[in-house]
Amino acid sequence: MLKTALKPRWILTLILVMALAAVFVLLSQWQFSNSRQQGPEAPAATETIRPLTGVIDPGSPLTGTAADQMVSAEGQFLPGTRLLVRERLQYGREGLWLISAFAIDAAPGSTGGAGSDAQEPVVIPVVHGWVPDADAAARVPELTGPAALTGRLLPAEGPVAADPVEGQVAALATAELVNVWDRPSYAAFIASAAITVDGEAAPAPAPLEAVEVAPQPQERPVNWLNIFYAVEWVVFAGFAFFLWWRLVADDHRRSLEDDEDDEDDEGQDGGPAAAGTPVGPGSTRHEPAHDTASDRPAAAAPAEAHDDGAARPGATHPTEAGTRE
């Protein structure tokens, strides 16, 4: 079959099939890319600033739909609650996050202290920014007084076992900060984007650097129709090679049948003239002798008229017999 496949016409056909299959593969790749390609994305719903109290309740877990939401809150930073979170990266540099407790005004779930009618405010950890070390954090002035902030709401981290360091924590875990601050807390934290104190913007003072948290990429739905078309083009490419192989196989089969027919014809033409007479090597074929006389017509014997005893062919006349004697 390889000999048949190497015929010029089948080689040219194979080249054509390969070119056609390449086009099918490119079409399949285009369909795969379009299965996730969408038009310009609309601004994510998480980028619309919403009040914190309308997104999450104190003590409730942060849901996936509420995570990364830009929120606003009003309240005040509680003095003496500043902490540093270790092992935080900022553009490839390792440092610390500077955080403090922010008491939310009119937050649901506030509790009153024992023997007091005053309500204890619910707090939420707020990330002020990034500092390279603890000495740099000590040079950052503490914010006091009524404040308003906007930032991105992020889920709290889990506690991490680490050696205790004064004024530092290993993770931003609200379950751990509740015990440190001794106040009820939201199960989330805010990475501040803008802070206003007494109606005036409070930019991050040096060496404090703002922590920028970009919105999470939105998942694009998969277009299964494009996936189906992509698989279909791949099947077409494979079928093109199968069709070429099938045509070559049919041509090879026809060649074998033609060869068998030619052998049968040669056997019939080269056989002995008389059936049942074997002709082997060294044998002599004798042709039957022909009598030339028998091939000629016999001459008509002269008839003797008016003789009742006319001689017939093969008869002997009595007179002629006596003379011969």
C-alpha atoms as a PDB file:
ATOM      1  CA  MET A   1       0.000   0.000   0.000  1.00  0.00           C
ATOM      2  CA  LEU A   2       2.957   2.293   0.561  1.00  0.00           C
ATOM      3  CA  LYS A   3       3.849   1.958  -3.105  1.00  0.00           C
ATOM      4  CA  THR A   4       0.356   3.100  -4.019  1.00  0.00           C
ATOM      5  CA  ALA A   5       0.498   6.024  -1.580  1.00  0.00           C
ATOM      6  CA  LEU A   6       3.773   7.208  -3.139  1.00  0.00           C
ATOM      7  CA  LYS A   7       2.185   7.687  -6.521  1.00  0.00           C
ATOM      8  CA  PRO A   8       2.452  11.337  -7.658  1.00  0.00           C
ATOM      9  CA  ARG A   9      -1.283  11.888  -7.740  1.00  0.00           C
ATOM     10  CA  TRP A  10      -1.745  10.657  -4.183  1.00  0.00           C
ATOM     11  CA  ILE A  11       1.196  12.716  -2.922  1.00  0.00           C
ATOM     12  CA  LEU A  12      -0.362  15.822  -4.480  1.00  0.00           C
ATOM     13  CA  THR A  13      -3.694  14.873  -2.969  1.00  0.00           C
ATOM     14  CA  LEU A  14      -2.037  14.501   0.451  1.00  0.00           C
ATOM     15  CA  ILE A  15      -0.517  17.984   0.167  1.00  0.00           C
ATOM     16  CA  LEU A  16      -3.955  19.361  -0.652  1.00  0.00           C
ATOM     17  CA  VAL A  17      -5.455  17.505   2.314  1.00  0.00           C
ATOM     18  CA  MET A  18      -2.769  18.881   4.652  1.00  0.00           C
ATOM     19  CA  ALA A  19      -3.461  22.435   3.494  1.00  0.00           C
ATOM     20  CA  LEU A  20      -7.181  21.914   3.969  1.00  0.00           C
ATOM     21  CA  ALA A  21      -6.644  20.429   7.435  1.00  0.00           C
ATOM     22  CA  ALA A  22      -4.478  23.415   8.397  1.00  0.00           C
ATOM     23  CA  VAL A  23      -7.328  25.749   7.478  1.00  0.00           C
ATOM     24  CA  PHE A  24      -9.715  23.657   9.581  1.00  0.00           C
ATOM     25  CA  VAL A  25      -7.342  23.814  12.567  1.00  0.00           C
ATOM     26  CA  LEU A  26      -7.066  27.603  12.273  1.00  0.00           C
ATOM     27  CA  LEU A  27     -10.842  27.876  12.188  1.00  0.00           C
ATOM     28  CA  SER A  28     -11.020  25.656  15.271  1.00  0.00           C
ATOM     29  CA  GLN A  29      -8.530  27.864  17.114  1.00  0.00           C
ATOM     30  CA  TRP A  30     -10.532  30.952  16.167  1.00  0.00           C
ATOM     31  CA  GLN A  31     -13.703  29.393  17.547  1.00  0.00           C
ATOM     32  CA  PHE A  32     -11.914  28.452  20.785  1.00  0.00           C
ATOM     33  CA  SER A  33     -10.687  32.031  21.229  1.00  0.00           C
ATOM     34  CA  ASN A  34     -14.157  33.416  20.567  1.00  0.00           C
ATOM     35  CA  SER A  35     -15.667  31.129  23.187  1.00  0.00           C
ATOM     36  CA  ARG A  36     -14.364  33.496  25.886  1.00  0.00           C
ATOM     37  CA  GLN A  37     -13.988  36.687  23.917  1.00  0.00           C
ATOM     38  CA  GLN A  38     -16.560  39.263  24.879  1.00  0.00           C
ATOM     39  CA  GLY A  39     -17.188  42.878  24.071  1.00  0.00           C
ATOM     40  CA  PRO A  40     -15.982  45.728  26.285  1.00  0.00           C
ATOM     41  CA  GLU A  41     -16.806  44.850  29.855  1.00  0.00           C
ATOM     42  CA  ALA A  42     -19.209  47.062  31.724  1.00  0.00           C
ATOM     43  CA  PRO A  43     -17.911  48.542  34.970  1.00  0.00           C
ATOM     44  CA  ALA A  44     -18.091  45.842  37.600  1.00  0.00           C
ATOM     45  CA  ALA A  45     -20.808  46.199  40.185  1.00  0.00           C
ATOM     46  CA  THR A  46     -18.142  46.032  42.880  1.00  0.00           C
ATOM     47  CA  GLU A  47     -16.783  49.424  41.742  1.00  0.00           C
ATOM     48  CA  THR A  48     -19.965  51.216  42.741  1.00  0.00           C
ATOM     49  CA  ILE A  49     -19.432  52.581  46.263  1.00  0.00           C
ATOM     50  CA  ARG A  50     -22.033  51.295  48.722  1.00  0.00           C
ATOM     51  CA  PRO A  51     -22.494  51.919  52.461  1.00  0.00           C
ATOM     52  CA  LEU A  52     -20.719  49.316  54.553  1.00  0.00           C
ATOM     53  CA  THR A  53     -23.794  48.687  56.711  1.00  0.00           C
ATOM     54  CA  GLY A  54     -25.753  47.702  53.590  1.00  0.00           C
ATOM     55  CA  VAL A  55     -23.180  45.145  52.440  1.00  0.00           C
ATOM     56  CA  ILE A  56     -22.289  43.137  55.552  1.00  0.00           C
ATOM     57  CA  ASP A  57     -23.550  42.754  59.112  1.00  0.00           C
ATOM     58  CA  PRO A  58     -21.261  42.465  62.137  1.00  0.00           C
ATOM     59  CA  GLY A  59     -20.404  38.855  62.915  1.00  0.00           C
ATOM     60  CA  SER A  60     -21.678  37.614  59.553  1.00  0.00           C
ATOM     61  CA  PRO A  61     -19.257  36.013  57.091  1.00  0.00           C
ATOM     62  CA  LEU A  62     -18.357  37.914  53.955  1.00  0.00           C
ATOM     63  CA  THR A  63     -20.041  36.323  50.952  1.00  0.00           C
ATOM     64  CA  GLY A  64     -18.435  35.946  47.574  1.00  0.00           C
ATOM     65  CA  THR A  65     -20.731  38.534  45.997  1.00  0.00           C
ATOM     66  CA  ALA A  66     -19.848  41.103  48.674  1.00  0.00           C
ATOM     67  CA  ALA A  67     -16.087  40.550  48.537  1.00  0.00           C
ATOM     68  CA  ASP A  68     -14.061  43.231  46.709  1.00  0.00           C
ATOM     69  CA  GLN A  69     -16.955  45.669  47.002  1.00  0.00           C
ATOM     70  CA  MET A  70     -16.057  49.340  47.255  1.00  0.00           C
ATOM     71  CA  VAL A  71     -17.708  50.643  50.446  1.00  0.00           C
ATOM     72  CA  SER A  72     -17.972  53.834  52.445  1.00  0.00           C
ATOM     73  CA  ALA A  73     -18.201  54.206  56.206  1.00  0.00           C
ATOM     74  CA  GLU A  74     -18.337  56.952  58.811  1.00  0.00           C
ATOM     75  CA  GLY A  75     -17.027  56.782  62.363  1.00  0.00           C
ATOM     76  CA  GLN A  76     -13.723  57.321  64.075  1.00  0.00           C
ATOM     77  CA  PHE A  77     -10.372  55.638  64.536  1.00  0.00           C
ATOM     78  CA  LEU A  78      -9.946  54.334  68.047  1.00  0.00           C
ATOM     79  CA  PRO A  79      -6.713  55.484  69.668  1.00  0.00           C
ATOM     80  CA  GLY A  80      -4.255  52.853  70.837  1.00  0.00           C
ATOM     81  CA  THR A  81      -5.406  50.245  68.326  1.00  0.00           C
ATOM     82  CA  ARG A  82      -2.611  50.576  65.762  1.00  0.00           C
ATOM     83  CA  LEU A  83      -0.958  47.324  64.778  1.00  0.00           C
ATOM     84  CA  LEU A  84       1.481  46.087  62.152  1.00  0.00           C
ATOM     85  CA  VAL A  85       0.808  43.034  59.960  1.00  0.00           C
ATOM     86  CA  ARG A  86       4.026  41.250  59.038  1.00  0.00           C
ATOM     87  CA  GLU A  87       5.265  39.869  55.715  1.00  0.00           C
ATOM     88  CA  ARG A  88       3.394  42.145  53.307  1.00  0.00           C
ATOM     89  CA  LEU A  89       4.688  42.756  49.798  1.00  0.00           C
ATOM     90  CA  GLN A  90       4.518  46.083  47.988  1.00  0.00           C
ATOM     91  CA  TYR A  91       5.822  45.968  44.395  1.00  0.00           C
ATOM     92  CA  GLY A  92       8.182  43.141  45.303  1.00  0.00           C
ATOM     93  CA  ARG A  93       9.392  44.714  48.560  1.00  0.00           C
ATOM     94  CA  GLU A  94       8.651  43.080  51.880  1.00  0.00           C
ATOM     95  CA  GLY A  95       7.302  45.247  54.670  1.00  0.00           C
ATOM     96  CA  LEU A  96       4.325  45.658  56.970  1.00  0.00           C
ATOM     97  CA  TRP A  97       0.743  46.883  56.841  1.00  0.00           C
ATOM     98  CA  LEU A  98      -0.299  49.614  59.241  1.00  0.00           C
ATOM     99  CA  ILE A  99      -3.828  48.975  60.531  1.00  0.00           C
ATOM    100  CA  SER A 100      -6.125  50.314  63.223  1.00  0.00           C
ATOM    101  CA  ALA A 101      -9.685  49.792  64.482  1.00  0.00           C
ATOM    102  CA  PHE A 102     -12.367  51.999  62.942  1.00  0.00           C
ATOM    103  CA  ALA A 103     -15.582  52.301  64.933  1.00  0.00           C
ATOM    104  CA  ILE A 104     -18.626  52.401  62.657  1.00  0.00           C
ATOM    105  CA  ASP A 105     -21.369  54.901  63.532  1.00  0.00           C
ATOM    106  CA  ALA A 106     -24.814  53.324  63.974  1.00  0.00           C
ATOM    107  CA  ALA A 107     -23.539  49.882  63.100  1.00  0.00           C
ATOM    108  CA  PRO A 108     -26.112  47.135  63.731  1.00  0.00           C
ATOM    109  CA  GLY A 109     -25.245  44.693  66.469  1.00  0.00           C
ATOM    110  CA  SER A 110     -23.532  47.148  68.820  1.00  0.00           C
ATOM    111  CA  THR A 111     -23.547  45.975  72.419  1.00  0.00           C
ATOM    112  CA  GLY A 112     -23.587  47.836  75.708  1.00  0.00           C
ATOM    113  CA  GLY A 113     -20.919  47.463  78.326  1.00  0.00           C
ATOM    114  CA  ALA A 114     -21.692  45.771  81.625  1.00  0.00           C
ATOM    115  CA  GLY A 115     -23.430  48.172  84.012  1.00  0.00           C
ATOM    116  CA  SER A 116     -23.517  50.915  81.367  1.00  0.00           C
ATOM    117  CA  ASP A 117     -26.203  52.214  79.058  1.00  0.00           C
ATOM    118  CA  ALA A 118     -23.659  53.242  76.430  1.00  0.00           C
ATOM    119  CA  GLN A 119     -23.292  51.033  73.418  1.00  0.00           C
ATOM    120  CA  GLU A 120     -19.918  49.582  72.550  1.00  0.00           C
ATOM    121  CA  PRO A 121     -19.280  50.321  68.851  1.00  0.00           C
ATOM    122  CA  VAL A 122     -18.565  47.617  66.355  1.00  0.00           C
ATOM    123  CA  VAL A 123     -15.186  48.066  64.708  1.00  0.00           C
ATOM    124  CA  ILE A 124     -13.653  47.007  61.424  1.00  0.00           C
ATOM    125  CA  PRO A 125      -9.913  46.771  60.712  1.00  0.00           C
ATOM    126  CA  VAL A 126      -8.708  49.419  58.254  1.00  0.00           C
ATOM    127  CA  VAL A 127      -5.439  49.190  56.340  1.00  0.00           C
ATOM    128  CA  HIS A 128      -3.849  52.655  56.229  1.00  0.00           C
ATOM    129  CA  GLY A 129      -0.922  51.671  54.032  1.00  0.00           C
ATOM    130  CA  TRP A 130       2.414  49.901  53.697  1.00  0.00           C
ATOM    131  CA  VAL A 131       5.632  50.730  55.541  1.00  0.00           C
ATOM    132  CA  PRO A 132       9.057  49.161  55.050  1.00  0.00           C
ATOM    133  CA  ASP A 133       9.706  48.572  58.768  1.00  0.00           C
ATOM    134  CA  ALA A 134       8.459  49.282  62.282  1.00  0.00           C
ATOM    135  CA  ASP A 135      10.615  52.416  62.646  1.00  0.00           C
ATOM    136  CA  ALA A 136       8.950  53.941  59.596  1.00  0.00           C
ATOM    137  CA  ALA A 137       5.523  53.136  61.035  1.00  0.00           C
ATOM    138  CA  ALA A 138       6.401  54.979  64.246  1.00  0.00           C
ATOM    139  CA  ARG A 139       6.893  58.197  62.225  1.00  0.00           C
ATOM    140  CA  VAL A 140       3.372  58.074  60.768  1.00  0.00           C
ATOM    141  CA  PRO A 141       1.010  60.348  62.758  1.00  0.00           C
ATOM    142  CA  GLU A 142      -2.103  58.762  64.210  1.00  0.00           C
ATOM    143  CA  LEU A 143      -5.477  59.878  62.880  1.00  0.00           C
ATOM    144  CA  THR A 144      -8.019  61.080  65.446  1.00  0.00           C
ATOM    145  CA  GLY A 145     -11.471  62.588  65.414  1.00  0.00           C
ATOM    146  CA  PRO A 146     -14.532  61.898  63.258  1.00  0.00           C
ATOM    147  CA  ALA A 147     -13.597  60.458  59.917  1.00  0.00           C
ATOM    148  CA  ALA A 148     -15.115  59.080  56.734  1.00  0.00           C
ATOM    149  CA  LEU A 149     -13.437  56.631  54.456  1.00  0.00           C
ATOM    150  CA  THR A 150     -13.882  54.688  51.262  1.00  0.00           C
ATOM    151  CA  GLY A 151     -12.078  51.513  50.379  1.00  0.00           C
ATOM    152  CA  ARG A 152     -12.319  47.955  49.165  1.00  0.00           C
ATOM    153  CA  LEU A 153     -13.978  45.385  51.423  1.00  0.00           C
ATOM    154  CA  LEU A 154     -11.882  42.221  51.642  1.00  0.00           C
ATOM    155  CA  PRO A 155     -12.309  38.913  53.488  1.00  0.00           C
ATOM    156  CA  ALA A 156     -10.423  38.389  56.727  1.00  0.00           C
ATOM    157  CA  GLU A 157      -7.436  36.065  56.833  1.00  0.00           C
ATOM    158  CA  GLY A 158      -7.079  32.982  58.974  1.00  0.00           C
ATOM    159  CA  PRO A 159      -4.924  32.982  62.114  1.00  0.00           C
ATOM    160  CA  VAL A 160      -1.276  32.055  61.587  1.00  0.00           C
ATOM    161  CA  ALA A 161       0.913  30.482  64.245  1.00  0.00           C
ATOM    162  CA  ALA A 162       3.994  32.665  64.745  1.00  0.00           C
ATOM    163  CA  ASP A 163       6.238  33.994  67.464  1.00  0.00           C
ATOM    164  CA  PRO A 164       4.519  36.936  69.193  1.00  0.00           C
ATOM    165  CA  VAL A 165       5.969  40.391  68.589  1.00  0.00           C
ATOM    166  CA  GLU A 166       4.830  43.456  70.499  1.00  0.00           C
ATOM    167  CA  GLY A 167       2.518  45.584  68.377  1.00  0.00           C
ATOM    168  CA  GLN A 168       2.576  43.130  65.466  1.00  0.00           C
ATOM    169  CA  VAL A 169       0.409  40.279  64.208  1.00  0.00           C
ATOM    170  CA  ALA A 170       1.199  37.549  61.702  1.00  0.00           C
ATOM    171  CA  ALA A 171      -2.104  37.804  59.794  1.00  0.00           C
ATOM    172  CA  LEU A 172      -5.058  40.118  59.474  1.00  0.00           C
ATOM    173  CA  ALA A 173      -7.412  37.701  61.215  1.00  0.00           C
ATOM    174  CA  THR A 174     -10.461  39.340  62.765  1.00  0.00           C
ATOM    175  CA  ALA A 175     -10.940  36.312  65.036  1.00  0.00           C
ATOM    176  CA  GLU A 176      -7.584  37.193  66.599  1.00  0.00           C
ATOM    177  CA  LEU A 177      -8.055  40.981  66.547  1.00  0.00           C
ATOM    178  CA  VAL A 178     -11.304  40.702  68.516  1.00  0.00           C
ATOM    179  CA  ASN A 179      -9.263  39.428  71.457  1.00  0.00           C
ATOM    180  CA  VAL A 180      -6.563  42.071  70.970  1.00  0.00           C
ATOM    181  CA  TRP A 181      -8.965  45.022  70.777  1.00  0.00           C
ATOM    182  CA  ASP A 182     -11.617  43.502  73.042  1.00  0.00           C
ATOM    183  CA  ARG A 183     -14.419  44.803  70.836  1.00  0.00           C
ATOM    184  CA  PRO A 184     -16.921  43.186  68.444  1.00  0.00           C
ATOM    185  CA  SER A 185     -15.732  43.301  64.848  1.00  0.00           C
ATOM    186  CA  TYR A 186     -16.832  42.729  61.308  1.00  0.00           C
ATOM    187  CA  ALA A 187     -15.517  39.526  59.758  1.00  0.00           C
ATOM    188  CA  ALA A 188     -13.713  41.530  57.062  1.00  0.00           C
ATOM    189  CA  PHE A 189     -11.381  44.477  56.653  1.00  0.00           C
ATOM    190  CA  ILE A 190     -11.140  47.588  54.473  1.00  0.00           C
ATOM    191  CA  ALA A 191      -8.140  48.562  52.371  1.00  0.00           C
ATOM    192  CA  SER A 192      -8.552  52.332  52.500  1.00  0.00           C
ATOM    193  CA  ALA A 193      -8.547  54.303  49.265  1.00  0.00           C
ATOM    194  CA  ALA A 194      -9.417  57.738  50.655  1.00  0.00           C
ATOM    195  CA  ILE A 195      -9.805  59.060  54.215  1.00  0.00           C
ATOM    196  CA  THR A 196     -11.417  62.323  55.256  1.00  0.00           C
ATOM    197  CA  VAL A 197     -10.867  63.709  58.777  1.00  0.00           C
ATOM    198  CA  ASP A 198     -12.947  66.655  59.960  1.00  0.00           C
ATOM    199  CA  GLY A 199     -14.062  67.210  56.399  1.00  0.00           C
ATOM    200  CA  GLU A 200     -10.543  67.390  54.988  1.00  0.00           C
ATOM    201  CA  ALA A 201      -8.739  64.745  52.961  1.00  0.00           C
ATOM    202  CA  ALA A 202      -5.967  63.001  54.862  1.00  0.00           C
ATOM    203  CA  PRO A 203      -3.373  61.780  52.358  1.00  0.00           C
ATOM    204  CA  ALA A 204      -0.976  59.038  53.343  1.00  0.00           C
ATOM    205  CA  PRO A 205       2.095  60.749  54.845  1.00  0.00           C
ATOM    206  CA  ALA A 206       5.587  59.522  54.002  1.00  0.00           C
ATOM    207  CA  PRO A 207       6.957  56.913  54.493  1.00  0.00           C
ATOM    208  CA  LEU A 208       3.447  55.403  54.389  1.00  0.00           C
ATOM    209  CA  GLU A 209       2.501  54.083  50.940  1.00  0.00           C
ATOM    210  CA  ALA A 210      -1.083  53.450  49.917  1.00  0.00           C
ATOM    211  CA  VAL A 211      -2.082  49.832  49.403  1.00  0.00           C
ATOM    212  CA  GLU A 212      -3.808  49.558  46.044  1.00  0.00           C
ATOM    213  CA  VAL A 213      -6.079  46.568  45.604  1.00  0.00           C
ATOM    214  CA  ALA A 214      -7.334  46.181  42.052  1.00  0.00           C
ATOM    215  CA  PRO A 215     -10.738  44.645  41.395  1.00  0.00           C
ATOM    216  CA  GLN A 216     -10.733  40.934  40.823  1.00  0.00           C
ATOM    217  CA  PRO A 217     -11.063  39.945  37.149  1.00  0.00           C
ATOM    218  CA  GLN A 218     -14.608  39.150  36.207  1.00  0.00           C
ATOM    219  CA  GLU A 219     -15.283  35.638  35.014  1.00  0.00           C
ATOM    220  CA  ARG A 220     -16.358  35.438  31.425  1.00  0.00           C
ATOM    221  CA  PRO A 221     -19.044  32.909  30.625  1.00  0.00           C
ATOM    222  CA  VAL A 222     -18.089  30.141  28.228  1.00  0.00           C
ATOM    223  CA  ASN A 223     -19.885  30.129  24.895  1.00  0.00           C
ATOM    224  CA  TRP A 224     -20.490  26.412  24.424  1.00  0.00           C
ATOM    225  CA  LEU A 225     -21.691  26.919  20.859  1.00  0.00           C
ATOM    226  CA  ASN A 226     -18.238  28.172  19.885  1.00  0.00           C
ATOM    227  CA  ILE A 227     -16.693  25.199  21.683  1.00  0.00           C
ATOM    228  CA  PHE A 228     -18.905  22.863  19.642  1.00  0.00           C
ATOM    229  CA  TYR A 229     -17.889  24.563  16.385  1.00  0.00           C
ATOM    230  CA  ALA A 230     -14.211  24.324  17.364  1.00  0.00           C
ATOM    231  CA  VAL A 231     -14.484  20.582  17.978  1.00  0.00           C
ATOM    232  CA  GLU A 232     -16.379  20.226  14.715  1.00  0.00           C
ATOM    233  CA  TRP A 233     -13.544  21.832  12.738  1.00  0.00           C
ATOM    234  CA  VAL A 234     -11.060  19.440  14.354  1.00  0.00           C
ATOM    235  CA  VAL A 235     -13.249  16.502  13.302  1.00  0.00           C
ATOM    236  CA  PHE A 236     -13.322  17.846   9.741  1.00  0.00           C
ATOM    237  CA  ALA A 237      -9.521  18.015   9.701  1.00  0.00           C
ATOM    238  CA  GLY A 238      -9.269  14.396  10.823  1.00  0.00           C
ATOM    239  CA  PHE A 239     -11.906  13.315   8.307  1.00  0.00           C
ATOM    240  CA  ALA A 240      -9.894  14.869   5.459  1.00  0.00           C
ATOM    241  CA  PHE A 241      -6.951  12.582   6.272  1.00  0.00           C
ATOM    242  CA  PHE A 242      -9.281   9.609   6.661  1.00  0.00           C
ATOM    243  CA  LEU A 243     -10.824  10.268   3.239  1.00  0.00           C
ATOM    244  CA  TRP A 244      -7.370  10.420   1.636  1.00  0.00           C
ATOM    245  CA  TRP A 245      -6.381   7.139   3.278  1.00  0.00           C
ATOM    246  CA  ARG A 246      -9.608   5.527   2.118  1.00  0.00           C
ATOM    247  CA  LEU A 247      -9.059   6.591  -1.490  1.00  0.00           C
ATOM    248  CA  VAL A 248      -5.502   5.234  -1.437  1.00  0.00           C
ATOM    249  CA  ALA A 249      -6.718   1.941   0.049  1.00  0.00           C
ATOM    250  CA  ASP A 250      -9.362   1.584  -2.681  1.00  0.00           C
ATOM    251  CA  ASP A 251      -6.783   2.287  -5.373  1.00  0.00           C
ATOM    252  CA  HIS A 252      -4.465  -0.316  -3.854  1.00  0.00           C
ATOM    253  CA  ARG A 253      -7.257  -2.899  -3.759  1.00  0.00           C
ATOM    254  CA  ARG A 254      -8.143  -2.268  -7.410  1.00  0.00           C
ATOM    255  CA  SER A 255      -4.477  -2.693  -8.363  1.00  0.00           C
ATOM    256  CA  LEU A 256      -4.357  -6.073  -6.668  1.00  0.00           C
ATOM    257  CA  GLU A 257      -7.526  -7.200  -8.447  1.00  0.00           C
ATOM    258  CA  ASP A 258      -6.152  -6.095 -11.832  1.00  0.00           C
ATOM    259  CA  ASP A 259      -2.929  -8.020 -11.226  1.00  0.00           C
ATOM    260  CA  GLU A 260      -4.885 -11.177 -10.422  1.00  0.00           C
ATOM    261  CA  ASP A 261      -6.965 -10.813 -13.611  1.00  0.00           C
ATOM    262  CA  ASP A 262      -3.812 -10.403 -15.724  1.00  0.00           C
ATOM    263  CA  GLU A 263      -2.319 -13.579 -14.256  1.00  0.00           C
ATOM    264  CA  ASP A 264      -5.487 -15.528 -15.081  1.00  0.00           C
ATOM    265  CA  ASP A 265      -5.465 -14.281 -18.689  1.00  0.00           C
ATOM    266  CA  GLU A 266      -1.822 -15.232 -19.172  1.00  0.00           C
ATOM    267  CA  GLY A 267      -2.517 -18.752 -17.856  1.00  0.00           C
ATOM    268  CA  GLN A 268      -5.324 -19.295 -20.363  1.00  0.00           C
ATOM    269  CA  ASP A 269      -3.395 -17.970 -23.414  1.00  0.00           C
ATOM    270  CA  GLY A 270      -0.183 -19.969 -22.780  1.00  0.00           C
ATOM    271  CA  GLY A 271      -1.847 -23.396 -22.049  1.00  0.00           C
ATOM    272  CA  PRO A 272      -1.775 -26.635 -24.266  1.00  0.00           C
ATOM    273  CA  ALA A 273      -3.830 -26.627 -27.469  1.00  0.00           C
ATOM    274  CA  ALA A 274      -5.592 -29.916 -26.756  1.00  0.00           C
ATOM    275  CA  ALA A 275      -7.354 -30.411 -23.505  1.00  0.00           C
ATOM    276  CA  GLY A 276      -5.956 -33.231 -21.428  1.00  0.00           C
ATOM    277  CA  THR A 277      -2.629 -33.394 -23.354  1.00  0.00           C
ATOM    278  CA  PRO A 278       0.136 -32.414 -21.030  1.00  0.00           C
ATOM    279  CA  VAL A 279       3.019 -30.535 -22.498  1.00  0.00           C
ATOM    280  CA  GLY A 280       6.061 -30.656 -20.362  1.00  0.00           C
ATOM    281  CA  PRO A 281       9.694 -29.725 -20.704  1.00  0.00           C
ATOM    282  CA  GLY A 282      11.505 -31.830 -23.316  1.00  0.00           C
ATOM    283  CA  SER A 283       8.338 -33.347 -24.739  1.00  0.00           C
ATOM    284  CA  THR A 284       7.829 -33.404 -28.495  1.00  0.00           C
ATOM    285  CA  ARG A 285       4.540 -32.409 -29.943  1.00  0.00           C
ATOM    286  CA  HIS A 286       3.569 -34.613 -32.979  1.00  0.00           C
ATOM    287  CA  GLU A 287       1.056 -33.347 -35.443  1.00  0.00           C
ATOM    288  CA  PRO A 288      -1.143 -36.038 -37.090  1.00  0.00           C
ATOM    289  CA  ALA A 289      -0.138 -36.966 -40.687  1.00  0.00           C
ATOM    290  CA  HIS A 290      -2.496 -35.848 -43.387  1.00  0.00           C
ATOM    291  CA  ASP A 291      -3.160 -37.965 -46.517  1.00  0.00           C
ATOM    292  CA  THR A 292      -2.751 -35.698 -49.480  1.00  0.00           C
ATOM    293  CA  ALA A 293      -4.759 -38.065 -51.626  1.00  0.00           C
ATOM    294  CA  SER A 294      -7.687 -37.908 -49.362  1.00  0.00           C
ATOM    295  CA  ASP A 295      -7.604 -34.124 -49.605  1.00  0.00           C
ATOM    296  CA  ARG A 296      -8.182 -34.315 -53.366  1.00  0.00           C
ATOM    297  CA  PRO A 297     -11.621 -35.213 -54.702  1.00  0.00           C
ATOM    298  CA  ALA A 298     -11.972 -38.680 -56.280  1.00  0.00           C
ATOM    299  CA  ALA A 299     -12.127 -38.810 -60.098  1.00  0.00           C
ATOM    300  CA  ALA A 300     -15.398 -39.901 -61.521  1.00  0.00           C
ATOM    301  CA  ALA A 301     -15.271 -43.384 -63.126  1.00  0.00           C
ATOM    302  CA  PRO A 302     -16.423 -43.520 -66.772  1.00  0.00           C
ATOM    303  CA  ALA A 303     -19.742 -45.099 -67.128  1.00  0.00           C
ATOM    304  CA  GLU A 304     -20.193 -47.767 -69.868  1.00  0.00           C
ATOM    305  CA  ALA A 305     -23.421 -47.101 -71.596  1.00  0.00           C
ATOM    306  CA  HIS A 306     -25.894 -49.741 -72.710  1.00  0.00           C
ATOM    307  CA  ASP A 307     -24.305 -52.393 -70.477  1.00  0.00           C
ATOM    308  CA  ASP A 308     -26.544 -54.019 -68.023  1.00  0.00           C
ATOM    309  CA  GLY A 309     -23.521 -55.406 -66.234  1.00  0.00           C
ATOM    310  CA  ALA A 310     -21.745 -52.068 -66.026  1.00  0.00           C
ATOM    311  CA  ALA A 311     -18.733 -52.179 -63.976  1.00  0.00           C
ATOM    312  CA  ARG A 312     -18.965 -50.606 -60.644  1.00  0.00           C
ATOM    313  CA  PRO A 313     -16.085 -49.183 -58.752  1.00  0.00           C
ATOM    314  CA  GLY A 314     -14.038 -52.005 -57.345  1.00  0.00           C
ATOM    315  CA  ALA A 315     -15.564 -54.748 -59.655  1.00  0.00           C
ATOM    316  CA  THR A 316     -13.414 -56.940 -62.034  1.00  0.00           C
ATOM    317  CA  HIS A 317     -14.522 -57.680 -65.586  1.00  0.00           C
ATOM    318  CA  PRO A 318     -14.350 -61.427 -66.513  1.00  0.00           C
ATOM    319  CA  THR A 319     -12.565 -60.845 -69.807  1.00  0.00           C
ATOM    320  CA  GLU A 320      -9.986 -58.600 -68.147  1.00  0.00           C
ATOM    321  CA  ALA A 321      -9.461 -61.238 -65.538  1.00  0.00           C
ATOM    322  CA  GLY A 322      -8.816 -63.933 -68.106  1.00  0.00           C
ATOM    323  CA  THR A 323      -6.385 -61.837 -70.055  1.00  0.00           C
ATOM    324  CA  ARG A 324      -4.409 -61.054 -66.904  1.00  0.00           C
ATOM    325  CA  GLU A 325      -4.149 -64.690 -66.241  1.00  0.00           C
END
